[in-house]
Amino acid sequence: MTEKELHIFMAKKMNSTEEEAKKWMEALNEGVYKSITDRESLTIKNFGKFYIRETSSGSIIFKFTPAKNMRNLVGYS
């Protein structure tokens, strides 16, 4: 699915316009980015958790842990 196809899908689900769906996606992206730059985790129910981890050497690692239903969907254990 392309980003445009996702906007169309979201617009139909929300009974809205593609442009409005695009704004929602941009806001979500900004929220994820903000939580990471603020070094906070972000959990989206039934999707997963975005977070960063600092190693003992001071490096920062970006992590994503899928939610249980997402893991089951793709057979990830």
PDB file of N, CA and C in Angstrom:
ATOM      1  N   MET A   1       0.851  -1.176   0.000  1.00  0.00           N
ATOM      2  CA  MET A   1       0.000   0.000   0.000  1.00  0.00           C
ATOM      3  C   MET A   1       0.890   1.229   0.000  1.00  0.00           C
ATOM      4  N   THR A   2       0.601   2.147  -0.872  1.00  0.00           N
ATOM      5  CA  THR A   2       1.350   3.401  -0.905  1.00  0.00           C
ATOM      6  C   THR A   2       0.770   4.360   0.130  1.00  0.00           C
ATOM      7  N   GLU A   3       1.490   5.433   0.370  1.00  0.00           N
ATOM      8  CA  GLU A   3       0.996   6.442   1.313  1.00  0.00           C
ATOM      9  C   GLU A   3      -0.327   7.039   0.816  1.00  0.00           C
ATOM     10  N   LYS A   4      -0.417   7.287  -0.471  1.00  0.00           N
ATOM     11  CA  LYS A   4      -1.653   7.833  -1.051  1.00  0.00           C
ATOM     12  C   LYS A   4      -2.807   6.851  -0.857  1.00  0.00           C
ATOM     13  N   GLU A   5      -2.551   5.570  -1.087  1.00  0.00           N
ATOM     14  CA  GLU A   5      -3.592   4.550  -0.891  1.00  0.00           C
ATOM     15  C   GLU A   5      -4.031   4.495   0.573  1.00  0.00           C
ATOM     16  N   LEU A   6      -3.073   4.688   1.476  1.00  0.00           N
ATOM     17  CA  LEU A   6      -3.416   4.731   2.903  1.00  0.00           C
ATOM     18  C   LEU A   6      -4.307   5.932   3.203  1.00  0.00           C
ATOM     19  N   HIS A   7      -4.005   7.078   2.612  1.00  0.00           N
ATOM     20  CA  HIS A   7      -4.845   8.273   2.813  1.00  0.00           C
ATOM     21  C   HIS A   7      -6.265   8.012   2.311  1.00  0.00           C
ATOM     22  N   ILE A   8      -6.390   7.384   1.167  1.00  0.00           N
ATOM     23  CA  ILE A   8      -7.712   7.072   0.602  1.00  0.00           C
ATOM     24  C   ILE A   8      -8.456   6.111   1.522  1.00  0.00           C
ATOM     25  N   PHE A   9      -7.765   5.072   1.994  1.00  0.00           N
ATOM     26  CA  PHE A   9      -8.370   4.097   2.909  1.00  0.00           C
ATOM     27  C   PHE A   9      -8.858   4.785   4.185  1.00  0.00           C
ATOM     28  N   MET A  10      -7.992   5.623   4.765  1.00  0.00           N
ATOM     29  CA  MET A  10      -8.351   6.326   5.996  1.00  0.00           C
ATOM     30  C   MET A  10      -9.534   7.262   5.771  1.00  0.00           C
ATOM     31  N   ALA A  11      -9.539   7.967   4.656  1.00  0.00           N
ATOM     32  CA  ALA A  11     -10.635   8.896   4.357  1.00  0.00           C
ATOM     33  C   ALA A  11     -11.962   8.149   4.294  1.00  0.00           C
ATOM     34  N   LYS A  12     -11.963   6.990   3.666  1.00  0.00           N
ATOM     35  CA  LYS A  12     -13.195   6.198   3.592  1.00  0.00           C
ATOM     36  C   LYS A  12     -13.623   5.733   4.976  1.00  0.00           C
ATOM     37  N   LYS A  13     -12.653   5.248   5.783  1.00  0.00           N
ATOM     38  CA  LYS A  13     -12.969   4.775   7.140  1.00  0.00           C
ATOM     39  C   LYS A  13     -13.513   5.895   8.019  1.00  0.00           C
ATOM     40  N   MET A  14     -13.022   7.117   7.824  1.00  0.00           N
ATOM     41  CA  MET A  14     -13.421   8.255   8.647  1.00  0.00           C
ATOM     42  C   MET A  14     -14.554   9.054   8.017  1.00  0.00           C
ATOM     43  N   ASN A  15     -15.024   8.585   6.841  1.00  0.00           N
ATOM     44  CA  ASN A  15     -16.065   9.321   6.117  1.00  0.00           C
ATOM     45  C   ASN A  15     -15.642  10.781   5.955  1.00  0.00           C
ATOM     46  N   SER A  16     -14.425  10.934   5.443  1.00  0.00           N
ATOM     47  CA  SER A  16     -13.811  12.249   5.317  1.00  0.00           C
ATOM     48  C   SER A  16     -13.139  12.365   3.950  1.00  0.00           C
ATOM     49  N   THR A  17     -12.320  13.395   3.806  1.00  0.00           N
ATOM     50  CA  THR A  17     -11.617  13.604   2.544  1.00  0.00           C
ATOM     51  C   THR A  17     -10.196  13.043   2.634  1.00  0.00           C
ATOM     52  N   GLU A  18      -9.621  12.829   1.470  1.00  0.00           N
ATOM     53  CA  GLU A  18      -8.236  12.359   1.418  1.00  0.00           C
ATOM     54  C   GLU A  18      -7.297  13.394   2.038  1.00  0.00           C
ATOM     55  N   GLU A  19      -7.576  14.663   1.793  1.00  0.00           N
ATOM     56  CA  GLU A  19      -6.747  15.740   2.353  1.00  0.00           C
ATOM     57  C   GLU A  19      -6.802  15.729   3.883  1.00  0.00           C
ATOM     58  N   GLU A  20      -7.981  15.510   4.441  1.00  0.00           N
ATOM     59  CA  GLU A  20      -8.122  15.446   5.901  1.00  0.00           C
ATOM     60  C   GLU A  20      -7.357  14.240   6.455  1.00  0.00           C
ATOM     61  N   ALA A  21      -7.437  13.103   5.782  1.00  0.00           N
ATOM     62  CA  ALA A  21      -6.708  11.908   6.211  1.00  0.00           C
ATOM     63  C   ALA A  21      -5.205  12.156   6.165  1.00  0.00           C
ATOM     64  N   LYS A  22      -4.759  12.878   5.146  1.00  0.00           N
ATOM     65  CA  LYS A  22      -3.338  13.208   5.028  1.00  0.00           C
ATOM     66  C   LYS A  22      -2.892  14.047   6.221  1.00  0.00           C
ATOM     67  N   LYS A  23      -3.730  14.987   6.643  1.00  0.00           N
ATOM     68  CA  LYS A  23      -3.405  15.816   7.813  1.00  0.00           C
ATOM     69  C   LYS A  23      -3.311  14.963   9.081  1.00  0.00           C
ATOM     70  N   TRP A  24      -4.205  13.981   9.220  1.00  0.00           N
ATOM     71  CA  TRP A  24      -4.169  13.082  10.382  1.00  0.00           C
ATOM     72  C   TRP A  24      -2.870  12.279  10.392  1.00  0.00           C
ATOM     73  N   MET A  25      -2.460  11.783   9.220  1.00  0.00           N
ATOM     74  CA  MET A  25      -1.212  11.015   9.132  1.00  0.00           C
ATOM     75  C   MET A  25      -0.006  11.895   9.456  1.00  0.00           C
ATOM     76  N   GLU A  26      -0.003  13.112   8.962  1.00  0.00           N
ATOM     77  CA  GLU A  26       1.097  14.033   9.255  1.00  0.00           C
ATOM     78  C   GLU A  26       1.171  14.314  10.751  1.00  0.00           C
ATOM     79  N   ALA A  27       0.012  14.489  11.389  1.00  0.00           N
ATOM     80  CA  ALA A  27      -0.020  14.732  12.831  1.00  0.00           C
ATOM     81  C   ALA A  27       0.498  13.510  13.596  1.00  0.00           C
ATOM     82  N   LEU A  28       0.121  12.319  13.164  1.00  0.00           N
ATOM     83  CA  LEU A  28       0.617  11.095  13.797  1.00  0.00           C
ATOM     84  C   LEU A  28       2.135  11.013  13.657  1.00  0.00           C
ATOM     85  N   ASN A  29       2.641  11.260  12.458  1.00  0.00           N
ATOM     86  CA  ASN A  29       4.089  11.237  12.241  1.00  0.00           C
ATOM     87  C   ASN A  29       4.801  12.239  13.141  1.00  0.00           C
ATOM     88  N   GLU A  30       4.235  13.436  13.262  1.00  0.00           N
ATOM     89  CA  GLU A  30       4.840  14.463  14.117  1.00  0.00           C
ATOM     90  C   GLU A  30       4.810  14.035  15.583  1.00  0.00           C
ATOM     91  N   GLY A  31       3.731  13.374  15.994  1.00  0.00           N
ATOM     92  CA  GLY A  31       3.633  12.892  17.372  1.00  0.00           C
ATOM     93  C   GLY A  31       4.674  11.829  17.686  1.00  0.00           C
ATOM     94  N   VAL A  32       4.869  10.903  16.757  1.00  0.00           N
ATOM     95  CA  VAL A  32       5.904   9.874  16.940  1.00  0.00           C
ATOM     96  C   VAL A  32       7.276  10.541  16.994  1.00  0.00           C
ATOM     97  N   TYR A  33       7.536  11.438  16.074  1.00  0.00           N
ATOM     98  CA  TYR A  33       8.818  12.143  16.037  1.00  0.00           C
ATOM     99  C   TYR A  33       9.060  12.917  17.337  1.00  0.00           C
ATOM    100  N   LYS A  34       8.029  13.616  17.807  1.00  0.00           N
ATOM    101  CA  LYS A  34       8.165  14.398  19.047  1.00  0.00           C
ATOM    102  C   LYS A  34       8.459  13.499  20.235  1.00  0.00           C
ATOM    103  N   SER A  35       7.755  12.381  20.343  1.00  0.00           N
ATOM    104  CA  SER A  35       7.993  11.493  21.477  1.00  0.00           C
ATOM    105  C   SER A  35       9.419  10.944  21.455  1.00  0.00           C
ATOM    106  N   ILE A  36       9.926  10.641  20.276  1.00  0.00           N
ATOM    107  CA  ILE A  36      11.290  10.126  20.179  1.00  0.00           C
ATOM    108  C   ILE A  36      12.309  11.220  20.498  1.00  0.00           C
ATOM    109  N   THR A  37      12.124  12.425  19.948  1.00  0.00           N
ATOM    110  CA  THR A  37      13.077  13.499  20.228  1.00  0.00           C
ATOM    111  C   THR A  37      13.033  13.913  21.693  1.00  0.00           C
ATOM    112  N   ASP A  38      11.873  13.753  22.332  1.00  0.00           N
ATOM    113  CA  ASP A  38      11.759  14.043  23.772  1.00  0.00           C
ATOM    114  C   ASP A  38      12.182  12.847  24.617  1.00  0.00           C
ATOM    115  N   ARG A  39      12.615  11.774  23.935  1.00  0.00           N
ATOM    116  CA  ARG A  39      13.045  10.532  24.598  1.00  0.00           C
ATOM    117  C   ARG A  39      11.948   9.929  25.463  1.00  0.00           C
ATOM    118  N   GLU A  40      10.743   9.991  24.948  1.00  0.00           N
ATOM    119  CA  GLU A  40       9.592   9.378  25.602  1.00  0.00           C
ATOM    120  C   GLU A  40       9.115   8.226  24.733  1.00  0.00           C
ATOM    121  N   SER A  41       8.522   7.231  25.351  1.00  0.00           N
ATOM    122  CA  SER A  41       7.948   6.140  24.562  1.00  0.00           C
ATOM    123  C   SER A  41       6.540   6.541  24.114  1.00  0.00           C
ATOM    124  N   LEU A  42       6.067   5.879  23.072  1.00  0.00           N
ATOM    125  CA  LEU A  42       4.719   6.115  22.563  1.00  0.00           C
ATOM    126  C   LEU A  42       4.095   4.763  22.264  1.00  0.00           C
ATOM    127  N   THR A  43       2.999   4.461  22.938  1.00  0.00           N
ATOM    128  CA  THR A  43       2.298   3.208  22.714  1.00  0.00           C
ATOM    129  C   THR A  43       0.981   3.494  22.017  1.00  0.00           C
ATOM    130  N   ILE A  44       0.762   2.818  20.888  1.00  0.00           N
ATOM    131  CA  ILE A  44      -0.489   2.927  20.155  1.00  0.00           C
ATOM    132  C   ILE A  44      -1.196   1.586  20.302  1.00  0.00           C
ATOM    133  N   LYS A  45      -2.336   1.607  20.984  1.00  0.00           N
ATOM    134  CA  LYS A  45      -3.074   0.387  21.287  1.00  0.00           C
ATOM    135  C   LYS A  45      -3.314  -0.440  20.022  1.00  0.00           C
ATOM    136  N   ASN A  46      -3.092  -1.726  20.118  1.00  0.00           N
ATOM    137  CA  ASN A  46      -3.266  -2.698  19.035  1.00  0.00           C
ATOM    138  C   ASN A  46      -2.312  -2.491  17.865  1.00  0.00           C
ATOM    139  N   PHE A  47      -1.330  -1.620  18.018  1.00  0.00           N
ATOM    140  CA  PHE A  47      -0.335  -1.408  16.964  1.00  0.00           C
ATOM    141  C   PHE A  47       1.059  -1.720  17.485  1.00  0.00           C
ATOM    142  N   GLY A  48       1.485  -0.986  18.511  1.00  0.00           N
ATOM    143  CA  GLY A  48       2.792  -1.259  19.082  1.00  0.00           C
ATOM    144  C   GLY A  48       3.352  -0.077  19.847  1.00  0.00           C
ATOM    145  N   LYS A  49       4.610  -0.231  20.235  1.00  0.00           N
ATOM    146  CA  LYS A  49       5.279   0.773  21.060  1.00  0.00           C
ATOM    147  C   LYS A  49       6.553   1.246  20.365  1.00  0.00           C
ATOM    148  N   PHE A  50       6.703   2.562  20.245  1.00  0.00           N
ATOM    149  CA  PHE A  50       7.912   3.189  19.738  1.00  0.00           C
ATOM    150  C   PHE A  50       8.692   3.709  20.948  1.00  0.00           C
ATOM    151  N   TYR A  51       9.979   3.474  20.962  1.00  0.00           N
ATOM    152  CA  TYR A  51      10.777   4.007  22.062  1.00  0.00           C
ATOM    153  C   TYR A  51      12.252   4.031  21.662  1.00  0.00           C
ATOM    154  N   ILE A  52      13.041   4.741  22.468  1.00  0.00           N
ATOM    155  CA  ILE A  52      14.476   4.737  22.259  1.00  0.00           C
ATOM    156  C   ILE A  52      15.128   4.150  23.499  1.00  0.00           C
ATOM    157  N   ARG A  53      16.285   3.581  23.283  1.00  0.00           N
ATOM    158  CA  ARG A  53      17.052   3.004  24.376  1.00  0.00           C
ATOM    159  C   ARG A  53      18.472   3.518  24.263  1.00  0.00           C
ATOM    160  N   GLU A  54      19.003   3.907  25.372  1.00  0.00           N
ATOM    161  CA  GLU A  54      20.381   4.376  25.374  1.00  0.00           C
ATOM    162  C   GLU A  54      21.276   3.219  25.822  1.00  0.00           C
ATOM    163  N   THR A  55      22.331   2.967  25.066  1.00  0.00           N
ATOM    164  CA  THR A  55      23.251   1.884  25.408  1.00  0.00           C
ATOM    165  C   THR A  55      24.254   2.374  26.448  1.00  0.00           C
ATOM    166  N   SER A  56      24.992   1.440  27.006  1.00  0.00           N
ATOM    167  CA  SER A  56      26.005   1.808  28.005  1.00  0.00           C
ATOM    168  C   SER A  56      27.089   2.700  27.418  1.00  0.00           C
ATOM    169  N   SER A  57      27.287   2.630  26.087  1.00  0.00           N
ATOM    170  CA  SER A  57      28.293   3.482  25.443  1.00  0.00           C
ATOM    171  C   SER A  57      27.750   4.871  25.099  1.00  0.00           C
ATOM    172  N   GLY A  58      26.441   5.091  25.358  1.00  0.00           N
ATOM    173  CA  GLY A  58      25.846   6.394  25.091  1.00  0.00           C
ATOM    174  C   GLY A  58      25.143   6.495  23.748  1.00  0.00           C
ATOM    175  N   SER A  59      25.203   5.441  22.954  1.00  0.00           N
ATOM    176  CA  SER A  59      24.489   5.427  21.672  1.00  0.00           C
ATOM    177  C   SER A  59      22.990   5.318  21.915  1.00  0.00           C
ATOM    178  N   ILE A  60      22.226   5.851  20.981  1.00  0.00           N
ATOM    179  CA  ILE A  60      20.768   5.789  21.084  1.00  0.00           C
ATOM    180  C   ILE A  60      20.246   4.835  20.020  1.00  0.00           C
ATOM    181  N   ILE A  61      19.376   3.931  20.438  1.00  0.00           N
ATOM    182  CA  ILE A  61      18.795   2.937  19.534  1.00  0.00           C
ATOM    183  C   ILE A  61      17.291   3.168  19.467  1.00  0.00           C
ATOM    184  N   PHE A  62      16.764   3.318  18.250  1.00  0.00           N
ATOM    185  CA  PHE A  62      15.322   3.459  18.032  1.00  0.00           C
ATOM    186  C   PHE A  62      14.726   2.062  17.979  1.00  0.00           C
ATOM    187  N   LYS A  63      13.649   1.838  18.723  1.00  0.00           N
ATOM    188  CA  LYS A  63      13.037   0.516  18.782  1.00  0.00           C
ATOM    189  C   LYS A  63      11.537   0.610  18.517  1.00  0.00           C
ATOM    190  N   PHE A  64      11.013  -0.465  17.991  1.00  0.00           N
ATOM    191  CA  PHE A  64       9.572  -0.623  17.833  1.00  0.00           C
ATOM    192  C   PHE A  64       9.225  -2.046  18.242  1.00  0.00           C
ATOM    193  N   THR A  65       8.259  -2.172  19.137  1.00  0.00           N
ATOM    194  CA  THR A  65       7.764  -3.480  19.539  1.00  0.00           C
ATOM    195  C   THR A  65       6.310  -3.568  19.110  1.00  0.00           C
ATOM    196  N   PRO A  66       5.999  -4.487  18.194  1.00  0.00           N
ATOM    197  CA  PRO A  66       4.612  -4.608  17.744  1.00  0.00           C
ATOM    198  C   PRO A  66       3.705  -5.152  18.852  1.00  0.00           C
ATOM    199  N   ALA A  67       2.459  -4.735  18.818  1.00  0.00           N
ATOM    200  CA  ALA A  67       1.463  -5.236  19.767  1.00  0.00           C
ATOM    201  C   ALA A  67       1.197  -6.716  19.480  1.00  0.00           C
ATOM    202  N   LYS A  68       0.628  -7.395  20.453  1.00  0.00           N
ATOM    203  CA  LYS A  68       0.400  -8.837  20.350  1.00  0.00           C
ATOM    204  C   LYS A  68      -0.392  -9.205  19.103  1.00  0.00           C
ATOM    205  N   ASN A  69      -1.462  -8.478  18.812  1.00  0.00           N
ATOM    206  CA  ASN A  69      -2.266  -8.824  17.633  1.00  0.00           C
ATOM    207  C   ASN A  69      -1.496  -8.613  16.339  1.00  0.00           C
ATOM    208  N   MET A  70      -0.590  -7.635  16.310  1.00  0.00           N
ATOM    209  CA  MET A  70       0.251  -7.416  15.125  1.00  0.00           C
ATOM    210  C   MET A  70       1.269  -8.546  14.996  1.00  0.00           C
ATOM    211  N   ARG A  71       1.847  -8.965  16.111  1.00  0.00           N
ATOM    212  CA  ARG A  71       2.804 -10.085  16.084  1.00  0.00           C
ATOM    213  C   ARG A  71       2.117 -11.346  15.585  1.00  0.00           C
ATOM    214  N   ASN A  72       0.910 -11.598  16.063  1.00  0.00           N
ATOM    215  CA  ASN A  72       0.160 -12.776  15.636  1.00  0.00           C
ATOM    216  C   ASN A  72      -0.173 -12.723  14.156  1.00  0.00           C
ATOM    217  N   LEU A  73      -0.470 -11.539  13.665  1.00  0.00           N
ATOM    218  CA  LEU A  73      -0.847 -11.364  12.265  1.00  0.00           C
ATOM    219  C   LEU A  73       0.273 -11.788  11.312  1.00  0.00           C
ATOM    220  N   VAL A  74       1.501 -11.467  11.682  1.00  0.00           N
ATOM    221  CA  VAL A  74       2.625 -11.778  10.800  1.00  0.00           C
ATOM    222  C   VAL A  74       3.464 -12.960  11.285  1.00  0.00           C
ATOM    223  N   GLY A  75       3.031 -13.598  12.360  1.00  0.00           N
ATOM    224  CA  GLY A  75       3.752 -14.757  12.871  1.00  0.00           C
ATOM    225  C   GLY A  75       5.045 -14.414  13.547  1.00  0.00           C
ATOM    226  N   TYR A  76       5.130 -13.223  14.126  1.00  0.00           N
ATOM    227  CA  TYR A  76       6.325 -12.740  14.829  1.00  0.00           C
ATOM    228  C   TYR A  76       6.230 -13.188  16.271  1.00  0.00           C
ATOM    229  N   SER A  77       7.282 -13.798  16.786  1.00  0.00           N
ATOM    230  CA  SER A  77       7.216 -14.235  18.190  1.00  0.00           C
ATOM    231  C   SER A  77       8.182 -13.492  19.056  1.00  0.00           C
TER     232      SER A  77
END
